[in-house]
Structure formats: structure tokens, C-alpha cells
Amino acid sequence: MELLAKLGINWGLLIAQIVNFLIVMGVLGFFLYRPILNLLDARTERIRKSMEDAKRIEQHAQELAKLREAEMKRLDHESGEHFERIRKEAQALHEELLANAKKEAEATLQGALKRIDEERRIMMEDVMKTVNSVIVRMTEKLLEREFTPDDQKRIQEQLIADLPKSIR
């Protein structure tokens, strides 16, 4: 101990400083170190909870993305079906309109053919009247002359044979 005294170390003071150091360490440990550790533990726990919440939110977001994608596929499918149904309805309507137009055209054509046949019949009646009157006049003129019965018969047969050919 003398050696320490020669070095200028005072045992009483050294022990007092060691005790002071231990008291300061105890007070700092109790009032500062433990609250800091508790604060760090609480912060670590909040970070862990935040990470768990972030994972849950990410999983929920992925589930929502999957649901949205499934819903989009379903909507695409439904819109495709709807479009196909509308296209088929439009095709059916188009075919119905064409059929109606064909019926109307056929009816118009039949009406026109009937009018043409009626006009042809009226025209043939007029032609026959005209031909008959011409034949009667010609016959009157021919009869004014004196023909033999053979001449009359030959002219009459020739007129009867030529008449159907001239009518057509």
C-alpha cells in the first residue's frame, strides 16, 4: 500500500470514487438506461406490429388485386357474351328485314306482273277488235266483188290459218 501511496493514490478517495461511480451507474441505469431500453423495446414492438400490419395490408391488397382481376375477367366474359348476343340479334333482325324486303319485292313484282297481264289482255282485246273490224271491212270489200264459192272458201281458210300467227 505504500507503493500506492508513493504513486499518489489515496485509498479512501479511490474507494469513495468507486462508490460514487457505482451510485452514478445505478442511478443512470435505473433512471436512464432502463427507460431507454423500454423505449427501444416499445419502438421495436411498434416496428414489428407495423411490419405485420404492412404484410397483412399487402396480402389484402394482393387478394383485392386477384378479386379485381377475377371480376374484370368475369366482366370481359359477360360483355363478350352480351356483344355476341347483340350481334346475333342484329344478324337475325338483318335476316328478317331481308326476308321482309324480299317478300315486298316479290309482292310488288307479282302486282306488276298482274298489271302487265291485265294490260296485255286489254291490248289483245283491242287488237282483236281492230283485227275483227279490219277483217269485216276487208271481207265486205271482197264480198262486193264477185267470187266464186271456191275463191271465197280459199280466202276464208287462209284468213283463219293466218289469224293465230298474226295475233302472237
N, C-alpha and C. Protein backbone atom coordinates (compact mmCIF):
# COMPACT_ATOMS: atom_id res chain seq x y z
N MET A 1 0.79 -1.15 0.00
CA MET A 1 0.00 0.00 0.00
C MET A 1 0.85 1.24 0.00
N GLU A 2 1.94 1.02 0.49
CA GLU A 2 2.85 2.15 0.44
C GLU A 2 3.17 2.50 -0.99
N LEU A 3 3.26 1.52 -1.74
CA LEU A 3 3.56 1.75 -3.13
C LEU A 3 2.48 2.62 -3.76
N LEU A 4 1.26 2.39 -3.45
CA LEU A 4 0.17 3.19 -3.98
C LEU A 4 0.23 4.60 -3.40
N ALA A 5 0.66 4.69 -2.14
CA ALA A 5 0.76 6.00 -1.53
C ALA A 5 1.87 6.78 -2.20
N LYS A 6 2.94 6.09 -2.59
CA LYS A 6 4.03 6.77 -3.28
C LYS A 6 3.56 7.25 -4.65
N LEU A 7 2.70 6.54 -5.25
CA LEU A 7 2.20 6.95 -6.57
C LEU A 7 1.18 8.08 -6.42
N GLY A 8 0.74 8.40 -5.26
CA GLY A 8 -0.18 9.49 -5.04
C GLY A 8 -1.62 9.03 -5.06
N ILE A 9 -1.83 7.74 -4.87
CA ILE A 9 -3.19 7.23 -4.88
C ILE A 9 -3.65 7.14 -3.44
N ASN A 10 -4.77 7.74 -3.15
CA ASN A 10 -5.37 7.75 -1.84
C ASN A 10 -6.48 6.70 -1.85
N TRP A 11 -6.31 5.72 -0.88
CA TRP A 11 -7.27 4.61 -0.87
C TRP A 11 -8.65 5.10 -0.50
N GLY A 12 -8.78 5.94 0.37
CA GLY A 12 -10.07 6.45 0.80
C GLY A 12 -10.77 7.16 -0.36
N LEU A 13 -9.97 7.96 -1.05
CA LEU A 13 -10.54 8.69 -2.17
C LEU A 13 -10.89 7.75 -3.31
N LEU A 14 -10.07 6.74 -3.56
CA LEU A 14 -10.32 5.77 -4.62
C LEU A 14 -11.60 5.00 -4.32
N ILE A 15 -11.76 4.59 -3.08
CA ILE A 15 -12.97 3.84 -2.72
C ILE A 15 -14.18 4.76 -2.83
N ALA A 16 -14.02 6.03 -2.41
CA ALA A 16 -15.13 6.97 -2.49
C ALA A 16 -15.52 7.19 -3.97
N GLN A 17 -14.54 7.26 -4.82
CA GLN A 17 -14.84 7.46 -6.24
C GLN A 17 -15.46 6.21 -6.83
N ILE A 18 -15.02 5.03 -6.42
CA ILE A 18 -15.62 3.79 -6.91
C ILE A 18 -17.08 3.74 -6.45
N VAL A 19 -17.33 4.07 -5.18
CA VAL A 19 -18.70 4.07 -4.67
C VAL A 19 -19.51 5.11 -5.43
N ASN A 20 -18.95 6.30 -5.62
CA ASN A 20 -19.65 7.34 -6.40
C ASN A 20 -19.96 6.83 -7.82
N PHE A 21 -18.98 6.20 -8.42
CA PHE A 21 -19.18 5.67 -9.78
C PHE A 21 -20.30 4.66 -9.79
N LEU A 22 -20.30 3.74 -8.81
CA LEU A 22 -21.35 2.73 -8.75
C LEU A 22 -22.71 3.36 -8.49
N ILE A 23 -22.77 4.39 -7.67
CA ILE A 23 -24.03 5.08 -7.42
C ILE A 23 -24.51 5.77 -8.68
N VAL A 24 -23.60 6.45 -9.35
CA VAL A 24 -23.98 7.13 -10.60
C VAL A 24 -24.43 6.10 -11.63
N MET A 25 -23.72 4.96 -11.68
CA MET A 25 -24.11 3.90 -12.63
C MET A 25 -25.48 3.35 -12.26
N GLY A 26 -25.72 3.16 -10.97
CA GLY A 26 -27.01 2.65 -10.54
C GLY A 26 -28.12 3.63 -10.85
N VAL A 27 -27.89 4.91 -10.54
CA VAL A 27 -28.91 5.93 -10.81
C VAL A 27 -29.13 6.06 -12.31
N LEU A 28 -28.03 6.14 -13.08
CA LEU A 28 -28.18 6.23 -14.55
C LEU A 28 -28.84 4.99 -15.10
N GLY A 29 -28.46 3.85 -14.60
CA GLY A 29 -29.07 2.61 -15.07
C GLY A 29 -30.55 2.57 -14.75
N PHE A 30 -30.91 3.03 -13.54
CA PHE A 30 -32.30 2.96 -13.13
C PHE A 30 -33.12 4.05 -13.83
N PHE A 31 -32.62 5.28 -13.89
CA PHE A 31 -33.40 6.39 -14.42
C PHE A 31 -33.19 6.63 -15.92
N LEU A 32 -32.14 6.17 -16.48
CA LEU A 32 -31.86 6.46 -17.88
C LEU A 32 -31.77 5.21 -18.73
N TYR A 33 -30.98 4.24 -18.31
CA TYR A 33 -30.74 3.06 -19.13
C TYR A 33 -32.01 2.23 -19.29
N ARG A 34 -32.70 1.93 -18.18
CA ARG A 34 -33.92 1.13 -18.28
C ARG A 34 -35.00 1.84 -19.10
N PRO A 35 -35.28 3.13 -18.91
CA PRO A 35 -36.29 3.79 -19.74
C PRO A 35 -35.90 3.79 -21.22
N ILE A 36 -34.60 3.96 -21.47
CA ILE A 36 -34.16 3.92 -22.88
C ILE A 36 -34.36 2.53 -23.44
N LEU A 37 -34.00 1.49 -22.64
CA LEU A 37 -34.24 0.11 -23.11
C LEU A 37 -35.73 -0.14 -23.31
N ASN A 38 -36.55 0.33 -22.35
CA ASN A 38 -38.01 0.16 -22.50
C ASN A 38 -38.51 0.89 -23.74
N LEU A 39 -37.99 2.10 -23.96
CA LEU A 39 -38.38 2.88 -25.14
C LEU A 39 -37.96 2.15 -26.42
N LEU A 40 -36.74 1.61 -26.41
CA LEU A 40 -36.27 0.86 -27.58
C LEU A 40 -37.11 -0.41 -27.78
N ASP A 41 -37.44 -1.10 -26.68
CA ASP A 41 -38.28 -2.29 -26.79
C ASP A 41 -39.67 -1.93 -27.34
N ALA A 42 -40.22 -0.83 -26.84
CA ALA A 42 -41.54 -0.40 -27.32
C ALA A 42 -41.47 -0.03 -28.80
N ARG A 43 -40.41 0.65 -29.16
CA ARG A 43 -40.26 1.03 -30.57
C ARG A 43 -40.09 -0.22 -31.44
N THR A 44 -39.28 -1.18 -30.96
CA THR A 44 -39.10 -2.44 -31.68
C THR A 44 -40.44 -3.14 -31.85
N GLU A 45 -41.24 -3.13 -30.79
CA GLU A 45 -42.56 -3.77 -30.85
C GLU A 45 -43.47 -3.05 -31.85
N ARG A 46 -43.45 -1.71 -31.84
CA ARG A 46 -44.25 -0.94 -32.81
C ARG A 46 -43.80 -1.24 -34.24
N ILE A 47 -42.49 -1.33 -34.44
CA ILE A 47 -41.97 -1.63 -35.79
C ILE A 47 -42.41 -3.02 -36.21
N ARG A 48 -42.33 -4.00 -35.25
CA ARG A 48 -42.76 -5.36 -35.56
C ARG A 48 -44.26 -5.38 -35.92
N LYS A 49 -45.08 -4.66 -35.12
CA LYS A 49 -46.51 -4.60 -35.42
C LYS A 49 -46.76 -3.90 -36.76
N SER A 50 -46.01 -2.86 -37.03
CA SER A 50 -46.15 -2.16 -38.31
C SER A 50 -45.79 -3.07 -39.47
N MET A 51 -44.73 -3.87 -39.28
CA MET A 51 -44.34 -4.82 -40.33
C MET A 51 -45.43 -5.87 -40.54
N GLU A 52 -46.01 -6.36 -39.42
CA GLU A 52 -47.09 -7.33 -39.54
C GLU A 52 -48.30 -6.71 -40.23
N ASP A 53 -48.61 -5.48 -39.83
CA ASP A 53 -49.73 -4.77 -40.47
C ASP A 53 -49.45 -4.55 -41.95
N ALA A 54 -48.21 -4.19 -42.28
CA ALA A 54 -47.84 -3.98 -43.67
C ALA A 54 -47.99 -5.29 -44.46
N LYS A 55 -47.58 -6.42 -43.84
CA LYS A 55 -47.74 -7.71 -44.51
C LYS A 55 -49.21 -8.03 -44.70
N ARG A 56 -50.02 -7.79 -43.66
CA ARG A 56 -51.46 -8.03 -43.76
C ARG A 56 -52.07 -7.14 -44.85
N ILE A 57 -51.67 -5.88 -44.86
CA ILE A 57 -52.20 -4.95 -45.87
C ILE A 57 -51.77 -5.39 -47.26
N GLU A 58 -50.52 -5.82 -47.39
CA GLU A 58 -50.02 -6.29 -48.68
C GLU A 58 -50.79 -7.53 -49.13
N GLN A 59 -51.02 -8.47 -48.18
CA GLN A 59 -51.80 -9.66 -48.52
C GLN A 59 -53.22 -9.28 -48.92
N HIS A 60 -53.79 -8.36 -48.18
CA HIS A 60 -55.15 -7.90 -48.50
C HIS A 60 -55.16 -7.23 -49.88
N ALA A 61 -54.14 -6.43 -50.16
CA ALA A 61 -54.04 -5.77 -51.46
C ALA A 61 -53.90 -6.80 -52.58
N GLN A 62 -53.12 -7.86 -52.33
CA GLN A 62 -52.98 -8.92 -53.33
C GLN A 62 -54.31 -9.63 -53.53
N GLU A 63 -55.02 -9.90 -52.42
CA GLU A 63 -56.33 -10.54 -52.54
C GLU A 63 -57.29 -9.65 -53.32
N LEU A 64 -57.26 -8.35 -53.01
CA LEU A 64 -58.11 -7.41 -53.74
C LEU A 64 -57.74 -7.37 -55.22
N ALA A 65 -56.43 -7.41 -55.51
CA ALA A 65 -55.99 -7.41 -56.90
C ALA A 65 -56.48 -8.67 -57.61
N LYS A 66 -56.41 -9.81 -56.91
CA LYS A 66 -56.91 -11.05 -57.51
C LYS A 66 -58.42 -10.97 -57.74
N LEU A 67 -59.13 -10.44 -56.74
CA LEU A 67 -60.58 -10.28 -56.89
C LEU A 67 -60.92 -9.33 -58.03
N ARG A 68 -60.16 -8.23 -58.10
CA ARG A 68 -60.40 -7.27 -59.19
C ARG A 68 -60.13 -7.92 -60.54
N GLU A 69 -59.05 -8.69 -60.62
CA GLU A 69 -58.71 -9.36 -61.88
C GLU A 69 -59.80 -10.38 -62.24
N ALA A 70 -60.26 -11.13 -61.23
CA ALA A 70 -61.33 -12.10 -61.48
C ALA A 70 -62.61 -11.39 -61.92
N GLU A 71 -62.90 -10.27 -61.28
CA GLU A 71 -64.09 -9.50 -61.65
C GLU A 71 -63.95 -8.94 -63.06
N MET A 72 -62.77 -8.47 -63.40
CA MET A 72 -62.52 -7.95 -64.75
C MET A 72 -62.69 -9.05 -65.79
N LYS A 73 -62.17 -10.25 -65.48
CA LYS A 73 -62.34 -11.38 -66.40
C LYS A 73 -63.81 -11.71 -66.55
N ARG A 74 -64.53 -11.71 -65.42
CA ARG A 74 -65.96 -12.02 -65.47
C ARG A 74 -66.69 -10.96 -66.30
N LEU A 75 -66.35 -9.69 -66.07
CA LEU A 75 -66.99 -8.61 -66.84
C LEU A 75 -66.64 -8.70 -68.31
N ASP A 76 -65.37 -9.04 -68.61
CA ASP A 76 -64.97 -9.24 -70.00
C ASP A 76 -65.78 -10.36 -70.63
N HIS A 77 -65.93 -11.45 -69.89
CA HIS A 77 -66.68 -12.59 -70.40
C HIS A 77 -68.15 -12.21 -70.61
N GLU A 78 -68.72 -11.52 -69.61
CA GLU A 78 -70.12 -11.11 -69.73
C GLU A 78 -70.31 -10.13 -70.88
N SER A 79 -69.38 -9.18 -71.02
CA SER A 79 -69.51 -8.22 -72.12
C SER A 79 -69.33 -8.92 -73.46
N GLY A 80 -68.44 -9.91 -73.50
CA GLY A 80 -68.29 -10.69 -74.74
C GLY A 80 -69.57 -11.44 -75.07
N GLU A 81 -70.18 -12.05 -74.05
CA GLU A 81 -71.45 -12.75 -74.27
C GLU A 81 -72.54 -11.77 -74.69
N HIS A 82 -72.56 -10.62 -74.03
CA HIS A 82 -73.56 -9.60 -74.36
C HIS A 82 -73.36 -9.12 -75.80
N PHE A 83 -72.11 -8.86 -76.15
CA PHE A 83 -71.81 -8.43 -77.52
C PHE A 83 -72.21 -9.50 -78.53
N GLU A 84 -71.92 -10.76 -78.23
CA GLU A 84 -72.27 -11.86 -79.13
C GLU A 84 -73.79 -11.97 -79.27
N ARG A 85 -74.50 -11.82 -78.14
CA ARG A 85 -75.97 -11.89 -78.18
C ARG A 85 -76.52 -10.74 -79.03
N ILE A 86 -75.98 -9.55 -78.84
CA ILE A 86 -76.44 -8.40 -79.62
C ILE A 86 -76.11 -8.60 -81.10
N ARG A 87 -74.92 -9.17 -81.38
CA ARG A 87 -74.55 -9.42 -82.77
C ARG A 87 -75.52 -10.42 -83.41
N LYS A 88 -75.88 -11.47 -82.64
CA LYS A 88 -76.82 -12.46 -83.17
C LYS A 88 -78.20 -11.84 -83.38
N GLU A 89 -78.62 -11.00 -82.44
CA GLU A 89 -79.91 -10.33 -82.59
C GLU A 89 -79.89 -9.42 -83.82
N ALA A 90 -78.79 -8.71 -84.00
CA ALA A 90 -78.66 -7.84 -85.17
C ALA A 90 -78.68 -8.66 -86.45
N GLN A 91 -78.00 -9.81 -86.43
CA GLN A 91 -77.99 -10.69 -87.61
C GLN A 91 -79.41 -11.19 -87.89
N ALA A 92 -80.12 -11.60 -86.83
CA ALA A 92 -81.49 -12.09 -87.01
C ALA A 92 -82.38 -10.97 -87.55
N LEU A 93 -82.22 -9.77 -87.00
CA LEU A 93 -83.00 -8.63 -87.49
C LEU A 93 -82.67 -8.33 -88.95
N HIS A 94 -81.38 -8.40 -89.27
CA HIS A 94 -80.94 -8.18 -90.65
C HIS A 94 -81.59 -9.20 -91.59
N GLU A 95 -81.57 -10.47 -91.16
CA GLU A 95 -82.16 -11.52 -91.99
C GLU A 95 -83.67 -11.33 -92.11
N GLU A 96 -84.30 -10.92 -91.00
CA GLU A 96 -85.75 -10.68 -91.03
C GLU A 96 -86.08 -9.52 -91.98
N LEU A 97 -85.28 -8.45 -91.90
CA LEU A 97 -85.50 -7.31 -92.79
C LEU A 97 -85.30 -7.71 -94.25
N LEU A 98 -84.27 -8.54 -94.50
CA LEU A 98 -84.05 -9.00 -95.87
C LEU A 98 -85.23 -9.85 -96.35
N ALA A 99 -85.72 -10.74 -95.47
CA ALA A 99 -86.85 -11.58 -95.84
C ALA A 99 -88.08 -10.72 -96.13
N ASN A 100 -88.32 -9.72 -95.27
CA ASN A 100 -89.46 -8.82 -95.50
C ASN A 100 -89.28 -8.04 -96.80
N ALA A 101 -88.07 -7.59 -97.04
CA ALA A 101 -87.81 -6.84 -98.28
C ALA A 101 -88.02 -7.74 -99.50
N LYS A 102 -87.59 -9.01 -99.38
CA LYS A 102 -87.80 -9.94 -100.50
C LYS A 102 -89.28 -10.18 -100.71
N LYS A 103 -90.04 -10.34 -99.58
CA LYS A 103 -91.49 -10.54 -99.71
C LYS A 103 -92.14 -9.34 -100.37
N GLU A 104 -91.75 -8.13 -99.93
CA GLU A 104 -92.31 -6.92 -100.52
C GLU A 104 -91.94 -6.82 -101.99
N ALA A 105 -90.69 -7.14 -102.31
CA ALA A 105 -90.26 -7.10 -103.72
C ALA A 105 -91.03 -8.13 -104.53
N GLU A 106 -91.24 -9.31 -103.96
CA GLU A 106 -91.99 -10.36 -104.66
C GLU A 106 -93.43 -9.92 -104.87
N ALA A 107 -94.02 -9.32 -103.81
CA ALA A 107 -95.40 -8.85 -103.93
C ALA A 107 -95.49 -7.74 -104.97
N THR A 108 -94.52 -6.83 -104.97
CA THR A 108 -94.50 -5.76 -105.97
C THR A 108 -94.35 -6.34 -107.36
N LEU A 109 -93.46 -7.34 -107.49
CA LEU A 109 -93.25 -7.98 -108.79
C LEU A 109 -94.51 -8.69 -109.25
N GLN A 110 -95.17 -9.40 -108.32
CA GLN A 110 -96.40 -10.11 -108.69
C GLN A 110 -97.48 -9.12 -109.11
N GLY A 111 -97.58 -8.01 -108.36
CA GLY A 111 -98.54 -6.97 -108.73
C GLY A 111 -98.24 -6.40 -110.11
N ALA A 112 -96.95 -6.15 -110.35
CA ALA A 112 -96.56 -5.61 -111.66
C ALA A 112 -96.86 -6.62 -112.76
N LEU A 113 -96.58 -7.92 -112.49
CA LEU A 113 -96.87 -8.95 -113.49
C LEU A 113 -98.38 -9.03 -113.76
N LYS A 114 -99.19 -8.92 -112.70
CA LYS A 114 -100.65 -8.93 -112.89
C LYS A 114 -101.10 -7.75 -113.72
N ARG A 115 -100.51 -6.55 -113.41
CA ARG A 115 -100.88 -5.37 -114.21
C ARG A 115 -100.45 -5.54 -115.65
N ILE A 116 -99.26 -6.12 -115.85
CA ILE A 116 -98.79 -6.35 -117.23
C ILE A 116 -99.71 -7.34 -117.93
N ASP A 117 -100.09 -8.42 -117.23
CA ASP A 117 -101.02 -9.39 -117.85
C ASP A 117 -102.35 -8.75 -118.17
N GLU A 118 -102.85 -7.91 -117.25
CA GLU A 118 -104.13 -7.23 -117.49
C GLU A 118 -104.02 -6.28 -118.66
N GLU A 119 -102.89 -5.53 -118.69
CA GLU A 119 -102.69 -4.61 -119.82
C GLU A 119 -102.55 -5.39 -121.14
N ARG A 120 -101.86 -6.53 -121.08
CA ARG A 120 -101.71 -7.37 -122.27
C ARG A 120 -103.07 -7.89 -122.73
N ARG A 121 -103.91 -8.32 -121.76
CA ARG A 121 -105.23 -8.83 -122.11
C ARG A 121 -106.07 -7.71 -122.75
N ILE A 122 -106.00 -6.50 -122.12
CA ILE A 122 -106.77 -5.37 -122.67
C ILE A 122 -106.26 -5.03 -124.06
N MET A 123 -104.91 -5.03 -124.21
CA MET A 123 -104.32 -4.72 -125.51
C MET A 123 -104.73 -5.77 -126.55
N MET A 124 -104.72 -7.06 -126.14
CA MET A 124 -105.12 -8.12 -127.08
C MET A 124 -106.59 -7.98 -127.47
N GLU A 125 -107.41 -7.58 -126.49
CA GLU A 125 -108.83 -7.35 -126.82
C GLU A 125 -108.96 -6.22 -127.83
N ASP A 126 -108.18 -5.13 -127.60
CA ASP A 126 -108.21 -4.02 -128.56
C ASP A 126 -107.72 -4.46 -129.94
N VAL A 127 -106.62 -5.26 -129.92
CA VAL A 127 -106.07 -5.75 -131.19
C VAL A 127 -107.10 -6.64 -131.89
N MET A 128 -107.73 -7.52 -131.09
CA MET A 128 -108.72 -8.44 -131.69
C MET A 128 -109.89 -7.64 -132.26
N LYS A 129 -110.32 -6.59 -131.53
CA LYS A 129 -111.41 -5.75 -132.05
C LYS A 129 -110.99 -5.09 -133.34
N THR A 130 -109.75 -4.56 -133.33
CA THR A 130 -109.24 -3.89 -134.53
C THR A 130 -109.12 -4.89 -135.69
N VAL A 131 -108.55 -6.06 -135.38
CA VAL A 131 -108.38 -7.08 -136.42
C VAL A 131 -109.75 -7.53 -136.94
N ASN A 132 -110.68 -7.71 -136.03
CA ASN A 132 -112.02 -8.13 -136.44
C ASN A 132 -112.67 -7.09 -137.33
N SER A 133 -112.53 -5.81 -136.92
CA SER A 133 -113.13 -4.76 -137.75
C SER A 133 -112.45 -4.69 -139.12
N VAL A 134 -111.11 -4.87 -139.13
CA VAL A 134 -110.38 -4.86 -140.41
C VAL A 134 -110.83 -6.04 -141.26
N ILE A 135 -110.96 -7.18 -140.61
CA ILE A 135 -111.36 -8.39 -141.35
C ILE A 135 -112.78 -8.20 -141.90
N VAL A 136 -113.64 -7.61 -141.07
CA VAL A 136 -115.01 -7.40 -141.53
C VAL A 136 -115.02 -6.45 -142.71
N ARG A 137 -114.24 -5.36 -142.64
CA ARG A 137 -114.19 -4.41 -143.75
C ARG A 137 -113.60 -5.05 -145.00
N MET A 138 -112.52 -5.80 -144.79
CA MET A 138 -111.90 -6.45 -145.95
C MET A 138 -112.85 -7.48 -146.55
N THR A 139 -113.52 -8.15 -145.63
CA THR A 139 -114.46 -9.16 -146.12
C THR A 139 -115.61 -8.50 -146.87
N GLU A 140 -116.06 -7.37 -146.35
CA GLU A 140 -117.13 -6.66 -147.04
C GLU A 140 -116.68 -6.23 -148.42
N LYS A 141 -115.46 -5.72 -148.52
CA LYS A 141 -114.95 -5.27 -149.82
C LYS A 141 -114.76 -6.44 -150.76
N LEU A 142 -114.27 -7.52 -150.17
CA LEU A 142 -114.05 -8.69 -151.01
C LEU A 142 -115.37 -9.29 -151.47
N LEU A 143 -116.32 -9.21 -150.59
CA LEU A 143 -117.61 -9.79 -150.94
C LEU A 143 -118.35 -8.92 -151.94
N GLU A 144 -117.99 -7.68 -152.02
CA GLU A 144 -118.61 -6.82 -153.00
C GLU A 144 -118.23 -7.27 -154.40
N ARG A 145 -117.12 -7.83 -154.51
CA ARG A 145 -116.72 -8.40 -155.80
C ARG A 145 -117.41 -9.73 -155.96
N GLU A 146 -117.35 -10.19 -157.11
CA GLU A 146 -117.96 -11.48 -157.34
C GLU A 146 -116.87 -12.53 -157.33
N PHE A 147 -116.98 -13.39 -156.36
CA PHE A 147 -116.06 -14.51 -156.26
C PHE A 147 -116.84 -15.77 -156.42
N THR A 148 -116.08 -16.68 -156.81
CA THR A 148 -116.71 -18.00 -156.91
C THR A 148 -116.74 -18.59 -155.51
N PRO A 149 -117.59 -19.54 -155.30
CA PRO A 149 -117.62 -20.15 -153.98
C PRO A 149 -116.27 -20.76 -153.60
N ASP A 150 -115.51 -21.27 -154.54
CA ASP A 150 -114.18 -21.82 -154.24
C ASP A 150 -113.21 -20.71 -153.79
N ASP A 151 -113.26 -19.54 -154.44
CA ASP A 151 -112.41 -18.42 -154.04
C ASP A 151 -112.74 -17.96 -152.62
N GLN A 152 -114.03 -17.88 -152.35
CA GLN A 152 -114.45 -17.46 -151.02
C GLN A 152 -113.96 -18.43 -149.94
N LYS A 153 -114.10 -19.73 -150.26
CA LYS A 153 -113.68 -20.75 -149.30
C LYS A 153 -112.17 -20.71 -149.09
N ARG A 154 -111.38 -20.54 -150.14
CA ARG A 154 -109.92 -20.48 -150.06
C ARG A 154 -109.47 -19.26 -149.27
N ILE A 155 -110.06 -18.10 -149.49
CA ILE A 155 -109.72 -16.88 -148.78
C ILE A 155 -110.06 -17.03 -147.31
N GLN A 156 -111.23 -17.59 -147.04
CA GLN A 156 -111.65 -17.77 -145.66
C GLN A 156 -110.70 -18.71 -144.90
N GLU A 157 -110.29 -19.82 -145.51
CA GLU A 157 -109.37 -20.77 -144.86
C GLU A 157 -108.00 -20.14 -144.64
N GLN A 158 -107.58 -19.34 -145.62
CA GLN A 158 -106.27 -18.69 -145.47
C GLN A 158 -106.30 -17.66 -144.33
N LEU A 159 -107.38 -16.90 -144.18
CA LEU A 159 -107.52 -15.94 -143.10
C LEU A 159 -107.55 -16.65 -141.74
N ILE A 160 -108.28 -17.75 -141.71
CA ILE A 160 -108.36 -18.49 -140.44
C ILE A 160 -106.99 -19.05 -140.08
N ALA A 161 -106.23 -19.52 -141.05
CA ALA A 161 -104.89 -20.08 -140.77
C ALA A 161 -103.91 -18.98 -140.40
N ASP A 162 -103.97 -17.82 -141.00
CA ASP A 162 -103.01 -16.75 -140.76
C ASP A 162 -103.35 -15.92 -139.51
N LEU A 163 -104.59 -15.93 -139.08
CA LEU A 163 -105.00 -15.12 -137.95
C LEU A 163 -104.27 -15.47 -136.65
N PRO A 164 -104.17 -16.73 -136.23
CA PRO A 164 -103.43 -17.03 -134.98
C PRO A 164 -101.96 -16.64 -135.05
N LYS A 165 -101.34 -16.75 -136.20
CA LYS A 165 -99.92 -16.39 -136.33
C LYS A 165 -99.73 -14.88 -136.17
N SER A 166 -100.65 -14.09 -136.68
CA SER A 166 -100.51 -12.64 -136.60
C SER A 166 -100.85 -12.12 -135.21
N ILE A 167 -101.64 -12.86 -134.44
CA ILE A 167 -102.00 -12.43 -133.09
C ILE A 167 -100.82 -12.61 -132.14
N ARG A 168 -100.08 -13.62 -132.26
CA ARG A 168 -98.96 -13.88 -131.36
C ARG A 168 -97.83 -13.04 -131.75
